Amino acid sequence: MNKIEEIKEFIDSNENAMLYISSTMCSACDSVYLKLGNIIENNSNIKLMKIEITENQEVSGEYMVFTVPVIILFKDGKEIHREARFVQFDRLNHYIDNYFN
């Protein structure tokens, strides 16, 4: 199974899924991921998958990733929200509250 197939299986097997796509070259990605960890702790019904884009470049084409970090929310296999580069956590929390809680 390749990485794209693993990601699709993850999204399909979790009602509430979140992809976090980052890069080792991105200094802001680590701090964003830490904040994301707090959100996941408070929303145990959301499953998170972290993807390193430099190791999985095909992901950028499949999910139209042009910058990092990227957070993509999926509900029942459908993308419902995306935050990229400058993550607005207030907006992200709004979508999580409306769709996942």
Protein backbone atom coordinates (compact mmCIF):
# COMPACT_ATOMS: atom_id res chain seq x y z
CA MET A 1 0.00 0.00 0.00
CA ASN A 2 1.40 3.44 -0.88
CA LYS A 3 1.02 6.59 1.19
CA ILE A 4 -1.93 7.94 -0.83
CA GLU A 5 -3.81 4.66 -0.31
CA GLU A 6 -3.00 4.77 3.43
CA ILE A 7 -4.33 8.32 3.68
CA LYS A 8 -7.52 7.49 1.79
CA GLU A 9 -8.08 4.44 4.00
CA PHE A 10 -7.55 6.60 7.11
CA ILE A 11 -10.08 9.17 5.88
CA ASP A 12 -12.63 6.50 4.89
CA SER A 13 -12.30 4.56 8.14
CA ASN A 14 -12.77 7.57 10.44
CA GLU A 15 -16.01 9.53 10.53
CA ASN A 16 -14.12 12.62 11.73
CA ALA A 17 -10.64 12.83 10.26
CA MET A 18 -7.99 15.52 10.19
CA LEU A 19 -4.88 15.58 8.03
CA TYR A 20 -1.94 17.67 9.17
CA ILE A 21 0.57 18.18 6.37
CA SER A 22 3.90 19.72 7.28
CA SER A 23 7.56 19.87 6.36
CA THR A 24 10.80 19.57 8.29
CA MET A 25 11.83 22.81 6.54
CA CYS A 26 8.92 24.71 8.16
CA SER A 27 9.73 26.29 11.52
CA ALA A 28 6.12 27.29 12.20
CA CYS A 29 4.85 23.75 11.59
CA ASP A 30 6.03 22.48 14.98
CA SER A 31 4.20 25.18 16.94
CA VAL A 32 1.04 24.70 14.87
CA TYR A 33 1.20 20.95 15.54
CA LEU A 34 1.49 21.56 19.29
CA LYS A 35 -1.65 23.72 19.24
CA LEU A 36 -3.37 21.08 17.16
CA GLY A 37 -2.51 18.51 19.83
CA ASN A 38 -4.51 20.53 22.37
CA ILE A 39 -7.50 20.63 20.04
CA ILE A 40 -7.36 16.86 19.52
CA GLU A 41 -7.09 16.27 23.28
CA ASN A 42 -10.34 18.19 23.75
CA ASN A 43 -12.06 16.45 20.81
CA SER A 44 -11.38 12.75 21.16
CA ASN A 45 -13.86 11.99 18.36
CA ILE A 46 -11.41 13.43 15.78
CA LYS A 47 -8.63 11.22 14.43
CA LEU A 48 -5.43 12.93 13.32
CA MET A 49 -2.89 11.83 10.72
CA LYS A 50 0.38 13.74 10.38
CA ILE A 51 2.06 13.70 6.98
CA GLU A 52 5.59 14.84 6.21
CA ILE A 53 5.38 16.37 2.73
CA THR A 54 9.10 16.13 1.90
CA GLU A 55 8.94 12.36 2.37
CA ASN A 56 5.60 12.02 0.55
CA GLN A 57 5.65 14.49 -2.32
CA GLU A 58 2.80 12.75 -4.15
CA VAL A 59 0.52 13.97 -1.35
CA SER A 60 0.88 17.56 -2.55
CA GLY A 61 -0.62 16.69 -5.93
CA GLU A 62 -3.37 14.46 -4.57
CA TYR A 63 -4.54 16.99 -1.95
CA MET A 64 -3.55 20.21 -3.76
CA VAL A 65 -1.03 21.32 -1.15
CA PHE A 66 0.96 24.38 -2.24
CA THR A 67 2.26 25.55 1.13
CA VAL A 68 2.67 24.20 4.66
CA PRO A 69 1.35 23.73 7.22
CA VAL A 70 -2.01 22.49 5.95
CA ILE A 71 -4.88 21.19 8.05
CA ILE A 72 -7.72 19.44 6.22
CA LEU A 73 -10.89 18.37 8.01
CA PHE A 74 -12.98 15.48 6.69
CA LYS A 75 -16.48 14.47 7.76
CA ASP A 76 -17.69 11.10 6.47
CA GLY A 77 -14.94 11.08 3.85
CA LYS A 78 -15.72 14.55 2.48
CA GLU A 79 -13.42 17.55 2.87
CA ILE A 80 -15.30 20.20 4.84
CA HIS A 81 -12.59 22.71 5.73
CA ARG A 82 -8.97 23.57 5.01
CA GLU A 83 -6.52 25.89 6.72
CA ALA A 84 -3.13 26.58 5.17
CA ARG A 85 0.02 28.56 5.93
CA PHE A 86 -1.45 31.09 8.37
CA VAL A 87 -3.74 28.86 10.42
CA GLN A 88 -6.69 30.67 11.96
CA PHE A 89 -7.37 28.59 15.06
CA ASP A 90 -10.58 30.48 15.90
CA ARG A 91 -12.00 29.57 12.49
CA LEU A 92 -10.70 26.00 12.78
CA ASN A 93 -12.37 25.61 16.18
CA HIS A 94 -15.60 27.01 14.75
CA TYR A 95 -15.67 24.29 12.07
CA ILE A 96 -14.78 21.61 14.60
CA ASP A 97 -17.59 22.75 16.92
CA ASN A 98 -20.12 22.88 14.09
CA TYR A 99 -19.28 19.62 12.34
CA PHE A 100 -17.72 17.33 14.94
CA ASN A 101 -19.48 18.14 18.22
